Amino acid sequence: YFFYKNVCYVNLLFWYQFFCGFSGSTMIDYWQMIFFNLFFTSVP
């Protein structure tokens, strides 16, 4: 499950870099990343 969760999350960020020209900008704020890992994907 943890591999699946992290692959999904990293693929999202990887494909976003094609759209922003590999500038290193993040698609999601840091507080949203923390809440994603802390609340939404830690319960299962």
ModelCIF file with pLDDT and N, C-alpha, C, O atoms, coordinates in Angstrom:
data_MODEL
#
_entry.id   MODEL 
#
_entity.id                         1 
_entity.type                       polymer 
_entity.pdbx_number_of_molecules   1 
#
_entity_poly.entity_id                      1 
_entity_poly.type                           'polypeptide(L)' 
_entity_poly.nstd_linkage                   no 
_entity_poly.nstd_monomer                   no 
_entity_poly.pdbx_seq_one_letter_code       YFFYKNVCYVNLLFWYQFFCGFSGSTMIDYWQMIFFNLFFTSVP 
_entity_poly.pdbx_seq_one_letter_code_can   YFFYKNVCYVNLLFWYQFFCGFSGSTMIDYWQMIFFNLFFTSVP 
_entity_poly.pdbx_strand_id                 A 
#
loop_
_entity_poly_seq.entity_id 
_entity_poly_seq.num 
_entity_poly_seq.mon_id 
_entity_poly_seq.hetero 
1 1  TYR n 
1 2  PHE n 
1 3  PHE n 
1 4  TYR n 
1 5  LYS n 
1 6  ASN n 
1 7  VAL n 
1 8  CYS n 
1 9  TYR n 
1 10 VAL n 
1 11 ASN n 
1 12 LEU n 
1 13 LEU n 
1 14 PHE n 
1 15 TRP n 
1 16 TYR n 
1 17 GLN n 
1 18 PHE n 
1 19 PHE n 
1 20 CYS n 
1 21 GLY n 
1 22 PHE n 
1 23 SER n 
1 24 GLY n 
1 25 SER n 
1 26 THR n 
1 27 MET n 
1 28 ILE n 
1 29 ASP n 
1 30 TYR n 
1 31 TRP n 
1 32 GLN n 
1 33 MET n 
1 34 ILE n 
1 35 PHE n 
1 36 PHE n 
1 37 ASN n 
1 38 LEU n 
1 39 PHE n 
1 40 PHE n 
1 41 THR n 
1 42 SER n 
1 43 VAL n 
1 44 PRO n 
#
_struct_asym.id          A 
_struct_asym.entity_id   1 
#
loop_
_ma_qa_metric.id 
_ma_qa_metric.mode 
_ma_qa_metric.name 
_ma_qa_metric.software_group_id 
_ma_qa_metric.type 
1 global pLDDT . pLDDT 
2 local  pLDDT . pLDDT 
#
_ma_qa_metric_global.metric_id      1 
_ma_qa_metric_global.metric_value   80.50 
_ma_qa_metric_global.model_id       1 
_ma_qa_metric_global.ordinal_id     1 
#
loop_
_ma_qa_metric_local.label_asym_id 
_ma_qa_metric_local.label_comp_id 
_ma_qa_metric_local.label_seq_id 
_ma_qa_metric_local.metric_id 
_ma_qa_metric_local.metric_value 
_ma_qa_metric_local.model_id 
_ma_qa_metric_local.ordinal_id 
A TYR 1  2 84.00 1 1  
A PHE 2  2 81.00 1 2  
A PHE 3  2 87.00 1 3  
A TYR 4  2 85.00 1 4  
A LYS 5  2 81.00 1 5  
A ASN 6  2 81.00 1 6  
A VAL 7  2 87.00 1 7  
A CYS 8  2 81.00 1 8  
A TYR 9  2 80.00 1 9  
A VAL 10 2 82.00 1 10 
A ASN 11 2 86.00 1 11 
A LEU 12 2 82.00 1 12 
A LEU 13 2 81.00 1 13 
A PHE 14 2 85.00 1 14 
A TRP 15 2 87.00 1 15 
A TYR 16 2 86.00 1 16 
A GLN 17 2 85.00 1 17 
A PHE 18 2 86.00 1 18 
A PHE 19 2 84.00 1 19 
A CYS 20 2 84.00 1 20 
A GLY 21 2 84.00 1 21 
A PHE 22 2 82.00 1 22 
A SER 23 2 82.00 1 23 
A GLY 24 2 75.00 1 24 
A SER 25 2 77.00 1 25 
A THR 26 2 75.00 1 26 
A MET 27 2 75.00 1 27 
A ILE 28 2 77.00 1 28 
A ASP 29 2 79.00 1 29 
A TYR 30 2 80.00 1 30 
A TRP 31 2 83.00 1 31 
A GLN 32 2 81.00 1 32 
A MET 33 2 77.00 1 33 
A ILE 34 2 80.00 1 34 
A PHE 35 2 80.00 1 35 
A PHE 36 2 77.00 1 36 
A ASN 37 2 75.00 1 37 
A LEU 38 2 76.00 1 38 
A PHE 39 2 74.00 1 39 
A PHE 40 2 71.00 1 40 
A THR 41 2 76.00 1 41 
A SER 42 2 76.00 1 42 
A VAL 43 2 78.00 1 43 
A PRO 44 2 77.00 1 44 
#
loop_
_atom_site.group_PDB 
_atom_site.id 
_atom_site.type_symbol 
_atom_site.label_atom_id 
_atom_site.label_alt_id 
_atom_site.label_comp_id 
_atom_site.label_asym_id 
_atom_site.label_entity_id 
_atom_site.label_seq_id 
_atom_site.pdbx_PDB_ins_code 
_atom_site.Cartn_x 
_atom_site.Cartn_y 
_atom_site.Cartn_z 
_atom_site.occupancy 
_atom_site.B_iso_or_equiv 
_atom_site.pdbx_formal_charge 
_atom_site.auth_seq_id 
_atom_site.auth_comp_id 
_atom_site.auth_asym_id 
_atom_site.auth_atom_id 
_atom_site.pdbx_PDB_model_num 
ATOM 1   N N  . TYR A 1 1  ? 0.824  -1.205 0.000   1.00 84.00 ? 1  TYR A N  1 
ATOM 2   C CA . TYR A 1 1  ? 0.000  0.000  0.000   1.00 84.00 ? 1  TYR A CA 1 
ATOM 3   C C  . TYR A 1 1  ? 0.863  1.263  0.000   1.00 84.00 ? 1  TYR A C  1 
ATOM 4   O O  . TYR A 1 1  ? 0.572  2.210  -0.730  1.00 84.00 ? 1  TYR A O  1 
ATOM 5   N N  . PHE A 1 2  ? 1.915  1.282  0.808   1.00 81.00 ? 2  PHE A N  1 
ATOM 6   C CA . PHE A 1 2  ? 2.777  2.462  0.846   1.00 81.00 ? 2  PHE A CA 1 
ATOM 7   C C  . PHE A 1 2  ? 3.491  2.674  -0.483  1.00 81.00 ? 2  PHE A C  1 
ATOM 8   O O  . PHE A 1 2  ? 3.644  3.815  -0.917  1.00 81.00 ? 2  PHE A O  1 
ATOM 9   N N  . PHE A 1 3  ? 3.930  1.605  -1.138  1.00 87.00 ? 3  PHE A N  1 
ATOM 10  C CA . PHE A 1 3  ? 4.526  1.755  -2.463  1.00 87.00 ? 3  PHE A CA 1 
ATOM 11  C C  . PHE A 1 3  ? 3.514  2.316  -3.452  1.00 87.00 ? 3  PHE A C  1 
ATOM 12  O O  . PHE A 1 3  ? 3.840  3.216  -4.227  1.00 87.00 ? 3  PHE A O  1 
ATOM 13  N N  . TYR A 1 4  ? 2.307  1.801  -3.434  1.00 85.00 ? 4  TYR A N  1 
ATOM 14  C CA . TYR A 1 4  ? 1.254  2.280  -4.330  1.00 85.00 ? 4  TYR A CA 1 
ATOM 15  C C  . TYR A 1 4  ? 0.962  3.747  -4.082  1.00 85.00 ? 4  TYR A C  1 
ATOM 16  O O  . TYR A 1 4  ? 0.855  4.524  -5.031  1.00 85.00 ? 4  TYR A O  1 
ATOM 17  N N  . LYS A 1 5  ? 0.834  4.137  -2.836  1.00 81.00 ? 5  LYS A N  1 
ATOM 18  C CA . LYS A 1 5  ? 0.532  5.532  -2.484  1.00 81.00 ? 5  LYS A CA 1 
ATOM 19  C C  . LYS A 1 5  ? 1.649  6.465  -2.954  1.00 81.00 ? 5  LYS A C  1 
ATOM 20  O O  . LYS A 1 5  ? 1.378  7.521  -3.525  1.00 81.00 ? 5  LYS A O  1 
ATOM 21  N N  . ASN A 1 6  ? 2.881  6.082  -2.717  1.00 81.00 ? 6  ASN A N  1 
ATOM 22  C CA . ASN A 1 6  ? 3.999  6.945  -3.092  1.00 81.00 ? 6  ASN A CA 1 
ATOM 23  C C  . ASN A 1 6  ? 4.206  6.989  -4.600  1.00 81.00 ? 6  ASN A C  1 
ATOM 24  O O  . ASN A 1 6  ? 4.586  8.031  -5.134  1.00 81.00 ? 6  ASN A O  1 
ATOM 25  N N  . VAL A 1 7  ? 3.966  5.887  -5.296  1.00 87.00 ? 7  VAL A N  1 
ATOM 26  C CA . VAL A 1 7  ? 4.084  5.886  -6.758  1.00 87.00 ? 7  VAL A CA 1 
ATOM 27  C C  . VAL A 1 7  ? 3.035  6.823  -7.360  1.00 87.00 ? 7  VAL A C  1 
ATOM 28  O O  . VAL A 1 7  ? 3.334  7.592  -8.273  1.00 87.00 ? 7  VAL A O  1 
ATOM 29  N N  . CYS A 1 8  ? 1.823  6.755  -6.852  1.00 81.00 ? 8  CYS A N  1 
ATOM 30  C CA . CYS A 1 8  ? 0.771  7.648  -7.348  1.00 81.00 ? 8  CYS A CA 1 
ATOM 31  C C  . CYS A 1 8  ? 1.137  9.106  -7.112  1.00 81.00 ? 8  CYS A C  1 
ATOM 32  O O  . CYS A 1 8  ? 0.966  9.941  -8.001  1.00 81.00 ? 8  CYS A O  1 
ATOM 33  N N  . TYR A 1 9  ? 1.629  9.411  -5.946  1.00 80.00 ? 9  TYR A N  1 
ATOM 34  C CA . TYR A 1 9  ? 1.956  10.790 -5.600  1.00 80.00 ? 9  TYR A CA 1 
ATOM 35  C C  . TYR A 1 9  ? 3.146  11.304 -6.410  1.00 80.00 ? 9  TYR A C  1 
ATOM 36  O O  . TYR A 1 9  ? 3.117  12.433 -6.899  1.00 80.00 ? 9  TYR A O  1 
ATOM 37  N N  . VAL A 1 10 ? 4.178  10.499 -6.553  1.00 82.00 ? 10 VAL A N  1 
ATOM 38  C CA . VAL A 1 10 ? 5.368  10.926 -7.299  1.00 82.00 ? 10 VAL A CA 1 
ATOM 39  C C  . VAL A 1 10 ? 5.055  11.043 -8.788  1.00 82.00 ? 10 VAL A C  1 
ATOM 40  O O  . VAL A 1 10 ? 5.563  11.952 -9.444  1.00 82.00 ? 10 VAL A O  1 
ATOM 41  N N  . ASN A 1 11 ? 4.237  10.153 -9.337  1.00 86.00 ? 11 ASN A N  1 
ATOM 42  C CA . ASN A 1 11 ? 3.852  10.267 -10.749 1.00 86.00 ? 11 ASN A CA 1 
ATOM 43  C C  . ASN A 1 11 ? 3.100  11.560 -11.012 1.00 86.00 ? 11 ASN A C  1 
ATOM 44  O O  . ASN A 1 11 ? 3.286  12.185 -12.056 1.00 86.00 ? 11 ASN A O  1 
ATOM 45  N N  . LEU A 1 12 ? 2.261  11.962 -10.083 1.00 82.00 ? 12 LEU A N  1 
ATOM 46  C CA . LEU A 1 12 ? 1.554  13.231 -10.224 1.00 82.00 ? 12 LEU A CA 1 
ATOM 47  C C  . LEU A 1 12 ? 2.530  14.394 -10.324 1.00 82.00 ? 12 LEU A C  1 
ATOM 48  O O  . LEU A 1 12 ? 2.387  15.249 -11.198 1.00 82.00 ? 12 LEU A O  1 
ATOM 49  N N  . LEU A 1 13 ? 3.512  14.432 -9.446  1.00 81.00 ? 13 LEU A N  1 
ATOM 50  C CA . LEU A 1 13 ? 4.503  15.516 -9.471  1.00 81.00 ? 13 LEU A CA 1 
ATOM 51  C C  . LEU A 1 13 ? 5.419  15.408 -10.692 1.00 81.00 ? 13 LEU A C  1 
ATOM 52  O O  . LEU A 1 13 ? 5.810  16.427 -11.260 1.00 81.00 ? 13 LEU A O  1 
ATOM 53  N N  . PHE A 1 14 ? 5.764  14.190 -11.098 1.00 85.00 ? 14 PHE A N  1 
ATOM 54  C CA . PHE A 1 14 ? 6.639  14.003 -12.250 1.00 85.00 ? 14 PHE A CA 1 
ATOM 55  C C  . PHE A 1 14 ? 5.996  14.529 -13.536 1.00 85.00 ? 14 PHE A C  1 
ATOM 56  O O  . PHE A 1 14 ? 6.623  15.276 -14.288 1.00 85.00 ? 14 PHE A O  1 
ATOM 57  N N  . TRP A 1 15 ? 4.752  14.139 -13.784 1.00 87.00 ? 15 TRP A N  1 
ATOM 58  C CA . TRP A 1 15 ? 4.097  14.582 -15.016 1.00 87.00 ? 15 TRP A CA 1 
ATOM 59  C C  . TRP A 1 15 ? 3.773  16.069 -14.983 1.00 87.00 ? 15 TRP A C  1 
ATOM 60  O O  . TRP A 1 15 ? 3.668  16.693 -16.039 1.00 87.00 ? 15 TRP A O  1 
ATOM 61  N N  . TYR A 1 16 ? 3.615  16.640 -13.819 1.00 86.00 ? 16 TYR A N  1 
ATOM 62  C CA . TYR A 1 16 ? 3.391  18.091 -13.716 1.00 86.00 ? 16 TYR A CA 1 
ATOM 63  C C  . TYR A 1 16 ? 4.632  18.862 -14.162 1.00 86.00 ? 16 TYR A C  1 
ATOM 64  O O  . TYR A 1 16 ? 4.514  19.969 -14.686 1.00 86.00 ? 16 TYR A O  1 
ATOM 65  N N  . GLN A 1 17 ? 5.817  18.289 -13.960 1.00 85.00 ? 17 GLN A N  1 
ATOM 66  C CA . GLN A 1 17 ? 7.045  18.982 -14.350 1.00 85.00 ? 17 GLN A CA 1 
ATOM 67  C C  . GLN A 1 17 ? 7.143  19.160 -15.870 1.00 85.00 ? 17 GLN A C  1 
ATOM 68  O O  . GLN A 1 17 ? 7.809  20.086 -16.331 1.00 85.00 ? 17 GLN A O  1 
ATOM 69  N N  . PHE A 1 18 ? 6.500  18.300 -16.652 1.00 86.00 ? 18 PHE A N  1 
ATOM 70  C CA . PHE A 1 18 ? 6.486  18.495 -18.100 1.00 86.00 ? 18 PHE A CA 1 
ATOM 71  C C  . PHE A 1 18 ? 5.686  19.744 -18.463 1.00 86.00 ? 18 PHE A C  1 
ATOM 72  O O  . PHE A 1 18 ? 6.033  20.448 -19.411 1.00 86.00 ? 18 PHE A O  1 
ATOM 73  N N  . PHE A 1 19 ? 4.639  20.018 -17.729 1.00 84.00 ? 19 PHE A N  1 
ATOM 74  C CA . PHE A 1 19 ? 3.789  21.171 -18.033 1.00 84.00 ? 19 PHE A CA 1 
ATOM 75  C C  . PHE A 1 19 ? 4.379  22.484 -17.552 1.00 84.00 ? 19 PHE A C  1 
ATOM 76  O O  . PHE A 1 19 ? 4.059  23.539 -18.101 1.00 84.00 ? 19 PHE A O  1 
ATOM 77  N N  . CYS A 1 20 ? 5.235  22.443 -16.537 1.00 84.00 ? 20 CYS A N  1 
ATOM 78  C CA . CYS A 1 20 ? 5.830  23.695 -16.049 1.00 84.00 ? 20 CYS A CA 1 
ATOM 79  C C  . CYS A 1 20 ? 7.271  23.858 -16.515 1.00 84.00 ? 20 CYS A C  1 
ATOM 80  O O  . CYS A 1 20 ? 7.982  24.729 -16.014 1.00 84.00 ? 20 CYS A O  1 
ATOM 81  N N  . GLY A 1 21 ? 7.710  23.045 -17.456 1.00 84.00 ? 21 GLY A N  1 
ATOM 82  C CA . GLY A 1 21 ? 9.036  23.189 -18.050 1.00 84.00 ? 21 GLY A CA 1 
ATOM 83  C C  . GLY A 1 21 ? 10.177 22.831 -17.111 1.00 84.00 ? 21 GLY A C  1 
ATOM 84  O O  . GLY A 1 21 ? 11.254 23.418 -17.207 1.00 84.00 ? 21 GLY A O  1 
ATOM 85  N N  . PHE A 1 22 ? 9.972  21.898 -16.220 1.00 82.00 ? 22 PHE A N  1 
ATOM 86  C CA . PHE A 1 22 ? 10.993 21.450 -15.262 1.00 82.00 ? 22 PHE A CA 1 
ATOM 87  C C  . PHE A 1 22 ? 11.598 22.604 -14.475 1.00 82.00 ? 22 PHE A C  1 
ATOM 88  O O  . PHE A 1 22 ? 12.802 22.642 -14.222 1.00 82.00 ? 22 PHE A O  1 
ATOM 89  N N  . SER A 1 23 ? 10.735 23.543 -14.094 1.00 82.00 ? 23 SER A N  1 
ATOM 90  C CA . SER A 1 23 ? 11.205 24.700 -13.329 1.00 82.00 ? 23 SER A CA 1 
ATOM 91  C C  . SER A 1 23 ? 11.380 24.387 -11.855 1.00 82.00 ? 23 SER A C  1 
ATOM 92  O O  . SER A 1 23 ? 12.004 25.162 -11.130 1.00 82.00 ? 23 SER A O  1 
ATOM 93  N N  . GLY A 1 24 ? 10.847 23.282 -11.405 1.00 75.00 ? 24 GLY A N  1 
ATOM 94  C CA . GLY A 1 24 ? 10.958 22.925 -9.986  1.00 75.00 ? 24 GLY A CA 1 
ATOM 95  C C  . GLY A 1 24 ? 9.830  23.477 -9.148  1.00 75.00 ? 24 GLY A C  1 
ATOM 96  O O  . GLY A 1 24 ? 9.829  23.316 -7.927  1.00 75.00 ? 24 GLY A O  1 
ATOM 97  N N  . SER A 1 25 ? 8.874  24.123 -9.778  1.00 77.00 ? 25 SER A N  1 
ATOM 98  C CA . SER A 1 25 ? 7.740  24.639 -9.009  1.00 77.00 ? 25 SER A CA 1 
ATOM 99  C C  . SER A 1 25 ? 6.850  23.476 -8.584  1.00 77.00 ? 25 SER A C  1 
ATOM 100 O O  . SER A 1 25 ? 6.750  22.461 -9.273  1.00 77.00 ? 25 SER A O  1 
ATOM 101 N N  . THR A 1 26 ? 6.219  23.647 -7.453  1.00 75.00 ? 26 THR A N  1 
ATOM 102 C CA . THR A 1 26 ? 5.378  22.586 -6.933  1.00 75.00 ? 26 THR A CA 1 
ATOM 103 C C  . THR A 1 26 ? 3.929  22.837 -7.292  1.00 75.00 ? 26 THR A C  1 
ATOM 104 O O  . THR A 1 26 ? 3.462  23.975 -7.326  1.00 75.00 ? 26 THR A O  1 
ATOM 105 N N  . MET A 1 27 ? 3.248  21.772 -7.552  1.00 75.00 ? 27 MET A N  1 
ATOM 106 C CA . MET A 1 27 ? 1.845  21.861 -7.909  1.00 75.00 ? 27 MET A CA 1 
ATOM 107 C C  . MET A 1 27 ? 0.976  21.978 -6.658  1.00 75.00 ? 27 MET A C  1 
ATOM 108 O O  . MET A 1 27 ? -0.118 22.541 -6.701  1.00 75.00 ? 27 MET A O  1 
ATOM 109 N N  . ILE A 1 28 ? 1.470  21.448 -5.559  1.00 77.00 ? 28 ILE A N  1 
ATOM 110 C CA . ILE A 1 28 ? 0.708  21.398 -4.324  1.00 77.00 ? 28 ILE A CA 1 
ATOM 111 C C  . ILE A 1 28 ? 1.500  22.107 -3.239  1.00 77.00 ? 28 ILE A C  1 
ATOM 112 O O  . ILE A 1 28 ? 2.719  21.957 -3.152  1.00 77.00 ? 28 ILE A O  1 
ATOM 113 N N  . ASP A 1 29 ? 0.801  22.884 -2.406  1.00 79.00 ? 29 ASP A N  1 
ATOM 114 C CA . ASP A 1 29 ? 1.469  23.547 -1.285  1.00 79.00 ? 29 ASP A CA 1 
ATOM 115 C C  . ASP A 1 29 ? 1.973  22.510 -0.289  1.00 79.00 ? 29 ASP A C  1 
ATOM 116 O O  . ASP A 1 29 ? 1.494  21.377 -0.236  1.00 79.00 ? 29 ASP A O  1 
ATOM 117 N N  . TYR A 1 30 ? 2.961  22.941 0.501   1.00 80.00 ? 30 TYR A N  1 
ATOM 118 C CA . TYR A 1 30 ? 3.554  22.004 1.449   1.00 80.00 ? 30 TYR A CA 1 
ATOM 119 C C  . TYR A 1 30 ? 2.569  21.570 2.524   1.00 80.00 ? 30 TYR A C  1 
ATOM 120 O O  . TYR A 1 30 ? 2.596  20.416 2.953   1.00 80.00 ? 30 TYR A O  1 
ATOM 121 N N  . TRP A 1 31 ? 1.714  22.457 2.960   1.00 83.00 ? 31 TRP A N  1 
ATOM 122 C CA . TRP A 1 31 ? 0.749  22.069 3.996   1.00 83.00 ? 31 TRP A CA 1 
ATOM 123 C C  . TRP A 1 31 ? -0.258 21.059 3.447   1.00 83.00 ? 31 TRP A C  1 
ATOM 124 O O  . TRP A 1 31 ? -0.762 20.216 4.190   1.00 83.00 ? 31 TRP A O  1 
ATOM 125 N N  . GLN A 1 32 ? -0.553 21.143 2.142   1.00 81.00 ? 32 GLN A N  1 
ATOM 126 C CA . GLN A 1 32 ? -1.446 20.149 1.550   1.00 81.00 ? 32 GLN A CA 1 
ATOM 127 C C  . GLN A 1 32 ? -0.753 18.788 1.433   1.00 81.00 ? 32 GLN A C  1 
ATOM 128 O O  . GLN A 1 32 ? -1.391 17.749 1.603   1.00 81.00 ? 32 GLN A O  1 
ATOM 129 N N  . MET A 1 33 ? 0.553  18.794 1.141   1.00 77.00 ? 33 MET A N  1 
ATOM 130 C CA . MET A 1 33 ? 1.292  17.529 1.105   1.00 77.00 ? 33 MET A CA 1 
ATOM 131 C C  . MET A 1 33 ? 1.322  16.873 2.481   1.00 77.00 ? 33 MET A C  1 
ATOM 132 O O  . MET A 1 33 ? 1.177  15.657 2.602   1.00 77.00 ? 33 MET A O  1 
ATOM 133 N N  . ILE A 1 34 ? 1.508  17.676 3.502   1.00 80.00 ? 34 ILE A N  1 
ATOM 134 C CA . ILE A 1 34 ? 1.541  17.130 4.865   1.00 80.00 ? 34 ILE A CA 1 
ATOM 135 C C  . ILE A 1 34 ? 0.188  16.543 5.225   1.00 80.00 ? 34 ILE A C  1 
ATOM 136 O O  . ILE A 1 34 ? 0.115  15.439 5.764   1.00 80.00 ? 34 ILE A O  1 
ATOM 137 N N  . PHE A 1 35 ? -0.894 17.275 4.931   1.00 80.00 ? 35 PHE A N  1 
ATOM 138 C CA . PHE A 1 35 ? -2.224 16.759 5.246   1.00 80.00 ? 35 PHE A CA 1 
ATOM 139 C C  . PHE A 1 35 ? -2.573 15.544 4.402   1.00 80.00 ? 35 PHE A C  1 
ATOM 140 O O  . PHE A 1 35 ? -3.263 14.641 4.875   1.00 80.00 ? 35 PHE A O  1 
ATOM 141 N N  . PHE A 1 36 ? -2.103 15.509 3.152   1.00 77.00 ? 36 PHE A N  1 
ATOM 142 C CA . PHE A 1 36 ? -2.352 14.341 2.300   1.00 77.00 ? 36 PHE A CA 1 
ATOM 143 C C  . PHE A 1 36 ? -1.763 13.091 2.933   1.00 77.00 ? 36 PHE A C  1 
ATOM 144 O O  . PHE A 1 36 ? -2.438 12.068 3.042   1.00 77.00 ? 36 PHE A O  1 
ATOM 145 N N  . ASN A 1 37 ? -0.493 13.174 3.353   1.00 75.00 ? 37 ASN A N  1 
ATOM 146 C CA . ASN A 1 37 ? 0.159  12.017 3.953   1.00 75.00 ? 37 ASN A CA 1 
ATOM 147 C C  . ASN A 1 37 ? -0.347 11.733 5.362   1.00 75.00 ? 37 ASN A C  1 
ATOM 148 O O  . ASN A 1 37 ? -0.417 10.577 5.779   1.00 75.00 ? 37 ASN A O  1 
ATOM 149 N N  . LEU A 1 38 ? -0.697 12.777 6.088   1.00 76.00 ? 38 LEU A N  1 
ATOM 150 C CA . LEU A 1 38 ? -1.057 12.591 7.484   1.00 76.00 ? 38 LEU A CA 1 
ATOM 151 C C  . LEU A 1 38 ? -2.483 12.083 7.659   1.00 76.00 ? 38 LEU A C  1 
ATOM 152 O O  . LEU A 1 38 ? -2.720 11.175 8.455   1.00 76.00 ? 38 LEU A O  1 
ATOM 153 N N  . PHE A 1 39 ? -3.419 12.645 6.939   1.00 74.00 ? 39 PHE A N  1 
ATOM 154 C CA . PHE A 1 39 ? -4.820 12.319 7.186   1.00 74.00 ? 39 PHE A CA 1 
ATOM 155 C C  . PHE A 1 39 ? -5.438 11.418 6.124   1.00 74.00 ? 39 PHE A C  1 
ATOM 156 O O  . PHE A 1 39 ? -6.113 10.445 6.460   1.00 74.00 ? 39 PHE A O  1 
ATOM 157 N N  . PHE A 1 40 ? -5.220 11.722 4.862   1.00 71.00 ? 40 PHE A N  1 
ATOM 158 C CA . PHE A 1 40 ? -5.957 11.032 3.813   1.00 71.00 ? 40 PHE A CA 1 
ATOM 159 C C  . PHE A 1 40 ? -5.403 9.659  3.470   1.00 71.00 ? 40 PHE A C  1 
ATOM 160 O O  . PHE A 1 40 ? -6.162 8.770  3.083   1.00 71.00 ? 40 PHE A O  1 
ATOM 161 N N  . THR A 1 41 ? -4.108 9.468  3.603   1.00 76.00 ? 41 THR A N  1 
ATOM 162 C CA . THR A 1 41 ? -3.542 8.171  3.208   1.00 76.00 ? 41 THR A CA 1 
ATOM 163 C C  . THR A 1 41 ? -2.961 7.385  4.366   1.00 76.00 ? 41 THR A C  1 
ATOM 164 O O  . THR A 1 41 ? -2.377 6.325  4.140   1.00 76.00 ? 41 THR A O  1 
ATOM 165 N N  . SER A 1 42 ? -3.094 7.852  5.581   1.00 76.00 ? 42 SER A N  1 
ATOM 166 C CA . SER A 1 42 ? -2.551 7.086  6.705   1.00 76.00 ? 42 SER A CA 1 
ATOM 167 C C  . SER A 1 42 ? -3.597 6.196  7.362   1.00 76.00 ? 42 SER A C  1 
ATOM 168 O O  . SER A 1 42 ? -3.238 5.249  8.063   1.00 76.00 ? 42 SER A O  1 
ATOM 169 N N  . VAL A 1 43 ? -4.865 6.469  7.157   1.00 78.00 ? 43 VAL A N  1 
ATOM 170 C CA . VAL A 1 43 ? -5.914 5.678  7.801   1.00 78.00 ? 43 VAL A CA 1 
ATOM 171 C C  . VAL A 1 43 ? -6.000 4.250  7.239   1.00 78.00 ? 43 VAL A C  1 
ATOM 172 O O  . VAL A 1 43 ? -6.053 3.310  8.032   1.00 78.00 ? 43 VAL A O  1 
ATOM 173 N N  . PRO A 1 44 ? -6.016 4.039  5.913   1.00 77.00 ? 44 PRO A N  1 
ATOM 174 C CA . PRO A 1 44 ? -6.114 2.649  5.416   1.00 77.00 ? 44 PRO A CA 1 
ATOM 175 C C  . PRO A 1 44 ? -4.994 1.725  5.884   1.00 77.00 ? 44 PRO A C  1 
ATOM 176 O O  . PRO A 1 44 ? -4.976 0.547  5.530   1.00 77.00 ? 44 PRO A O  1 
#
